[in-house]
N, C-alpha and C. Protein backbone atom coordinates (compact mmCIF):
# COMPACT_ATOMS: atom_id res chain seq x y z
N MET A 1 49.31 13.10 25.92
CA MET A 1 48.13 12.85 25.10
C MET A 1 46.87 13.11 26.10
N SER A 2 45.36 13.06 25.57
CA SER A 2 44.30 12.96 25.75
C SER A 2 43.35 12.86 25.29
N PHE A 3 42.46 12.71 25.75
CA PHE A 3 41.11 12.05 24.69
C PHE A 3 39.88 12.87 25.25
N THR A 4 38.75 12.51 24.68
CA THR A 4 37.18 13.04 24.71
C THR A 4 36.34 12.03 25.44
N LEU A 5 35.71 12.04 26.50
CA LEU A 5 34.41 11.60 26.91
C LEU A 5 33.34 12.86 26.52
N ILE A 6 32.39 11.54 26.08
CA ILE A 6 31.06 12.49 25.56
C ILE A 6 29.81 12.07 26.03
N TYR A 7 29.09 12.48 26.83
CA TYR A 7 27.88 12.23 27.77
C TYR A 7 26.99 12.32 26.69
N ILE A 8 25.85 11.76 26.72
CA ILE A 8 24.95 11.77 25.64
C ILE A 8 23.58 11.53 26.46
N THR A 9 22.47 11.87 26.73
CA THR A 9 21.27 11.56 27.51
C THR A 9 20.50 10.91 26.43
N ASN A 10 19.61 9.83 26.40
CA ASN A 10 18.73 9.33 25.85
C ASN A 10 17.53 8.65 26.42
N PRO A 11 16.23 8.54 25.83
CA PRO A 11 15.26 7.79 26.17
C PRO A 11 14.86 6.67 26.54
N SER A 12 16.06 6.30 26.22
CA SER A 12 16.02 4.57 26.51
C SER A 12 17.36 3.83 26.30
N VAL A 13 17.19 2.67 27.01
CA VAL A 13 18.17 1.47 26.81
C VAL A 13 18.55 1.48 25.38
N GLU A 14 17.24 0.90 24.99
CA GLU A 14 17.39 0.47 23.47
C GLU A 14 17.89 1.46 22.60
N THR A 15 17.68 2.84 22.71
CA THR A 15 18.27 3.77 21.92
C THR A 15 19.89 4.02 22.41
N ALA A 16 20.01 3.86 23.67
CA ALA A 16 21.45 4.16 23.95
C ALA A 16 22.38 3.12 23.16
N GLU A 17 22.07 1.67 23.56
CA GLU A 17 22.99 0.92 22.81
C GLU A 17 22.81 1.16 21.27
N ASN A 18 21.74 1.01 20.45
CA ASN A 18 21.90 1.80 19.08
C ASN A 18 22.83 2.41 19.01
N ILE A 19 22.99 3.48 19.55
CA ILE A 19 23.72 4.90 19.05
C ILE A 19 25.20 4.08 19.68
N ALA A 20 25.31 3.40 20.73
CA ALA A 20 26.84 3.01 20.79
C ALA A 20 27.46 1.87 20.15
N HIS A 21 26.18 1.05 19.32
CA HIS A 21 26.75 0.26 18.64
C HIS A 21 27.42 0.73 17.22
N GLN A 22 26.46 1.78 16.61
CA GLN A 22 26.59 2.43 15.50
C GLN A 22 27.66 2.96 15.38
N LEU A 23 28.45 3.72 16.68
CA LEU A 23 29.28 4.87 16.81
C LEU A 23 30.52 3.67 16.87
N LEU A 24 30.42 2.30 17.33
CA LEU A 24 31.69 1.41 17.54
C LEU A 24 31.98 0.92 16.28
N GLU A 25 30.67 0.59 15.39
CA GLU A 25 30.99 -0.31 14.13
C GLU A 25 31.47 1.07 13.18
N LYS A 26 31.57 2.31 13.37
CA LYS A 26 32.29 3.03 12.56
C LYS A 26 33.39 3.47 12.98
N LYS A 27 33.96 2.91 13.85
CA LYS A 27 35.30 3.32 14.73
C LYS A 27 35.41 4.62 15.16
N LEU A 28 34.34 5.31 15.61
CA LEU A 28 34.23 6.68 15.63
C LEU A 28 34.44 6.69 17.33
N VAL A 29 34.32 5.98 18.21
CA VAL A 29 34.66 5.84 19.59
C VAL A 29 35.26 3.99 19.67
N ALA A 30 35.74 4.17 21.07
CA ALA A 30 36.72 2.81 21.46
C ALA A 30 35.70 2.19 22.69
N CYS A 31 34.63 2.61 23.06
CA CYS A 31 33.93 2.01 24.38
C CYS A 31 32.98 3.00 24.67
N ALA A 32 32.02 2.37 25.16
CA ALA A 32 30.48 3.14 25.95
C ALA A 32 30.40 2.32 26.99
N ASN A 33 29.77 3.28 28.05
CA ASN A 33 29.26 2.92 29.05
C ASN A 33 27.98 3.56 29.04
N ILE A 34 26.85 2.57 29.61
CA ILE A 34 25.41 2.93 29.56
C ILE A 34 24.89 2.73 30.84
N PHE A 35 24.22 3.83 31.42
CA PHE A 35 23.45 3.69 32.76
C PHE A 35 22.03 4.61 33.14
N PRO A 36 21.28 4.10 34.16
CA PRO A 36 20.32 5.01 34.19
C PRO A 36 20.17 5.86 34.91
N ILE A 37 19.27 7.12 34.26
CA ILE A 37 19.30 8.45 35.55
C ILE A 37 17.93 8.91 35.59
N SER A 38 18.14 9.83 36.43
CA SER A 38 16.40 10.44 36.67
C SER A 38 16.81 11.91 36.20
N SER A 39 16.02 12.75 35.43
CA SER A 39 16.40 13.90 34.68
C SER A 39 15.10 14.78 35.16
N VAL A 40 15.58 16.22 35.67
CA VAL A 40 14.69 17.39 35.93
C VAL A 40 15.07 18.32 35.11
N TYR A 41 14.04 19.11 34.09
CA TYR A 41 14.71 19.90 33.23
C TYR A 41 13.51 20.84 33.03
N TRP A 42 14.00 21.69 32.24
CA TRP A 42 13.21 22.90 31.40
C TRP A 42 12.65 22.13 30.00
N TRP A 43 11.38 22.40 29.66
CA TRP A 43 11.47 22.04 27.94
C TRP A 43 10.07 22.66 27.92
N GLN A 44 9.98 23.49 26.94
CA GLN A 44 8.60 24.22 26.22
C GLN A 44 8.15 24.58 27.46
N GLY A 45 8.95 25.38 28.30
CA GLY A 45 7.95 26.39 29.13
C GLY A 45 7.32 25.78 30.66
N ASN A 46 7.65 24.19 30.54
CA ASN A 46 7.23 23.55 31.45
C ASN A 46 8.61 22.64 32.58
N ILE A 47 8.84 22.15 33.82
CA ILE A 47 9.52 21.68 34.32
C ILE A 47 9.07 20.08 34.13
N GLU A 48 9.82 19.31 33.37
CA GLU A 48 9.62 18.03 33.17
C GLU A 48 10.41 16.96 34.17
N SER A 49 9.95 15.73 34.46
CA SER A 49 10.63 14.85 34.95
C SER A 49 11.04 13.73 34.25
N ASP A 50 11.89 13.02 34.08
CA ASP A 50 11.71 11.47 33.35
C ASP A 50 13.04 10.70 33.76
N LYS A 51 12.83 9.64 33.46
CA LYS A 51 13.85 8.70 33.37
C LYS A 51 14.44 8.61 31.96
N GLU A 52 15.80 8.71 32.23
CA GLU A 52 16.51 8.90 30.95
C GLU A 52 17.95 7.61 30.67
N VAL A 53 18.62 7.50 29.98
CA VAL A 53 19.87 6.77 30.10
C VAL A 53 20.90 7.35 29.50
N VAL A 54 21.92 7.19 30.20
CA VAL A 54 23.22 8.57 29.94
C VAL A 54 23.95 7.22 28.78
N LEU A 55 24.67 7.90 27.92
CA LEU A 55 25.54 6.66 27.08
C LEU A 55 26.64 7.88 27.40
N ILE A 56 27.88 7.49 27.95
CA ILE A 56 28.77 8.00 28.05
C ILE A 56 30.05 6.87 26.93
N VAL A 57 30.74 7.90 25.89
CA VAL A 57 31.51 7.10 25.04
C VAL A 57 33.08 8.16 25.14
N LYS A 58 34.02 7.21 24.43
CA LYS A 58 35.47 7.57 24.76
C LYS A 58 36.10 7.70 23.34
N THR A 59 36.71 8.74 23.14
CA THR A 59 36.93 8.74 21.40
C THR A 59 38.53 9.70 21.64
N SER A 60 38.94 10.00 20.52
CA SER A 60 39.86 11.02 20.39
C SER A 60 39.78 12.41 20.06
N ASN A 61 40.55 13.11 20.58
CA ASN A 61 39.87 14.72 20.51
C ASN A 61 39.51 15.14 18.85
N LYS A 62 40.37 14.14 18.13
CA LYS A 62 39.98 14.42 16.88
C LYS A 62 39.01 14.42 16.19
N LEU A 63 38.25 13.33 16.86
CA LEU A 63 37.01 12.48 16.19
C LEU A 63 35.65 13.24 16.79
N LEU A 64 35.93 14.01 17.82
CA LEU A 64 34.72 15.01 18.54
C LEU A 64 33.58 15.35 17.50
N PRO A 65 34.29 16.11 16.62
CA PRO A 65 32.94 16.96 15.56
C PRO A 65 32.49 15.58 14.72
N LYS A 66 33.13 14.69 14.30
CA LYS A 66 32.43 13.55 13.73
C LYS A 66 31.33 12.81 14.54
N VAL A 67 31.85 12.60 15.67
CA VAL A 67 30.82 11.68 16.60
C VAL A 67 29.85 12.81 17.02
N SER A 68 30.00 14.11 17.21
CA SER A 68 28.71 14.96 17.66
C SER A 68 27.59 15.16 16.44
N GLN A 69 28.33 15.07 15.26
CA GLN A 69 27.77 15.11 13.95
C GLN A 69 26.64 13.78 13.93
N PHE A 70 27.46 12.75 14.01
CA PHE A 70 26.59 11.57 13.99
C PHE A 70 25.54 11.55 14.60
N VAL A 71 25.89 11.24 15.82
CA VAL A 71 24.77 11.39 17.11
C VAL A 71 23.77 12.47 16.99
N THR A 72 23.95 13.49 16.57
CA THR A 72 22.64 14.52 16.05
C THR A 72 22.09 13.95 15.10
N SER A 73 22.36 13.43 14.13
CA SER A 73 21.66 12.93 12.89
C SER A 73 21.01 11.97 13.33
N ILE A 74 21.36 11.09 14.34
CA ILE A 74 20.32 9.77 14.31
C ILE A 74 19.55 9.63 15.73
N HIS A 75 20.00 10.79 16.29
CA HIS A 75 19.35 10.93 18.07
C HIS A 75 17.95 11.57 17.80
N PRO A 76 17.10 10.47 18.42
CA PRO A 76 15.39 10.66 18.65
C PRO A 76 14.94 12.37 19.30
N TYR A 77 15.82 12.76 19.84
CA TYR A 77 15.41 14.05 20.70
C TYR A 77 15.76 15.56 19.79
N THR A 78 14.66 16.18 19.60
CA THR A 78 14.68 17.40 19.09
C THR A 78 16.15 17.91 19.38
N THR A 79 16.09 18.30 20.77
CA THR A 79 17.83 18.87 21.13
C THR A 79 18.04 17.94 21.97
N PRO A 80 19.10 17.06 21.33
CA PRO A 80 20.13 16.13 22.11
C PRO A 80 21.17 16.43 22.94
N CYS A 81 21.13 16.14 24.21
CA CYS A 81 22.62 16.82 25.13
C CYS A 81 23.41 16.03 24.52
N ILE A 82 24.74 16.73 24.21
CA ILE A 82 25.80 15.84 23.79
C ILE A 82 26.90 16.78 24.47
N LEU A 83 27.25 16.48 25.60
CA LEU A 83 28.25 17.23 26.51
C LEU A 83 29.54 16.37 26.36
N HIS A 84 30.93 17.09 26.40
CA HIS A 84 32.00 16.69 26.30
C HIS A 84 33.32 17.12 27.08
N TRP A 85 34.14 16.68 27.11
CA TRP A 85 35.22 17.02 28.13
C TRP A 85 36.65 16.49 27.78
N GLN A 86 37.47 17.18 27.57
CA GLN A 86 39.03 16.48 27.14
C GLN A 86 39.41 15.98 28.43
N VAL A 87 40.01 14.69 28.59
CA VAL A 87 40.39 14.36 29.92
C VAL A 87 41.64 13.63 29.61
N ASN A 88 42.39 13.25 30.70
CA ASN A 88 43.60 12.35 30.71
C ASN A 88 43.45 11.08 31.58
N ALA A 89 44.02 10.07 31.11
CA ALA A 89 44.32 8.86 31.92
C ALA A 89 45.43 8.22 31.80
N ASN A 90 45.57 7.24 32.68
CA ASN A 90 46.84 6.28 32.56
C ASN A 90 47.23 6.31 31.34
N PRO A 91 48.59 6.14 30.88
CA PRO A 91 48.98 6.31 29.44
C PRO A 91 48.71 4.78 28.63
N GLU A 92 48.79 3.83 29.32
CA GLU A 92 48.44 2.45 28.51
C GLU A 92 46.79 2.63 28.26
N TYR A 93 46.15 3.38 28.81
CA TYR A 93 44.52 3.49 28.52
C TYR A 93 44.23 4.17 27.43
N GLU A 94 45.09 5.41 27.66
CA GLU A 94 45.01 6.41 26.28
C GLU A 94 45.29 6.04 25.15
N THR A 95 46.54 5.19 25.23
CA THR A 95 47.03 4.87 23.87
C THR A 95 46.17 3.47 23.21
N TRP A 96 45.26 2.81 24.11
CA TRP A 96 44.17 1.93 23.70
C TRP A 96 43.25 2.78 23.38
N ILE A 97 42.75 3.56 23.63
CA ILE A 97 41.77 4.55 23.09
C ILE A 97 42.31 5.26 21.66
N GLN A 98 43.11 5.45 21.72
CA GLN A 98 43.74 6.01 20.28
C GLN A 98 43.93 4.96 19.53
N GLU A 99 44.18 3.98 19.74
CA GLU A 99 44.22 2.60 18.75
C GLU A 99 43.29 2.36 18.35
N GLN A 100 41.97 2.44 18.99
CA GLN A 100 41.15 1.70 18.72
C GLN A 100 40.30 2.73 17.81
N VAL A 101 40.55 3.74 17.91
CA VAL A 101 39.51 4.89 16.79
C VAL A 101 40.56 5.30 15.56
N LEU A 102 41.73 4.95 15.85
CA LEU A 102 42.71 5.93 15.07
C LEU A 102 43.96 4.84 14.62
N GLY A 103 43.54 3.37 14.76
CA GLY A 103 44.35 2.54 14.68
C GLY A 103 45.41 2.60 13.14
N ASP A 104 44.05 2.55 12.20
CA ASP A 104 44.92 2.51 10.79
C ASP A 104 45.90 4.07 10.31
N ILE A 105 45.45 4.90 11.20
CA ILE A 105 46.04 6.19 10.79
C ILE A 105 47.32 6.37 11.61
N LEU A 106 47.47 5.82 12.72
CA LEU A 106 48.76 5.74 14.06
C LEU A 106 49.74 4.97 13.14
């Protein structure tokens, strides 16, 4: 068994918390981690520097498309960063993730 980590950059803690809460309420993710970062990147022909906030959410592999679509629909960025990795953890944690998002299906 495995699950998916999704890394999403945000302009503020408030935005990250709002997205996390909506994903949790919809049972699309099991949990979320939020932390500040400094970003340097190309945007519209210029190198930009900003303080951002990363939201990392954990979900089942099956729900990745739904999570990505939902985040894109509510995210304030024109081009949101939504990266994902399929990962493994201890079996008890992986089972917990699956139960939180797919509990009614399992």
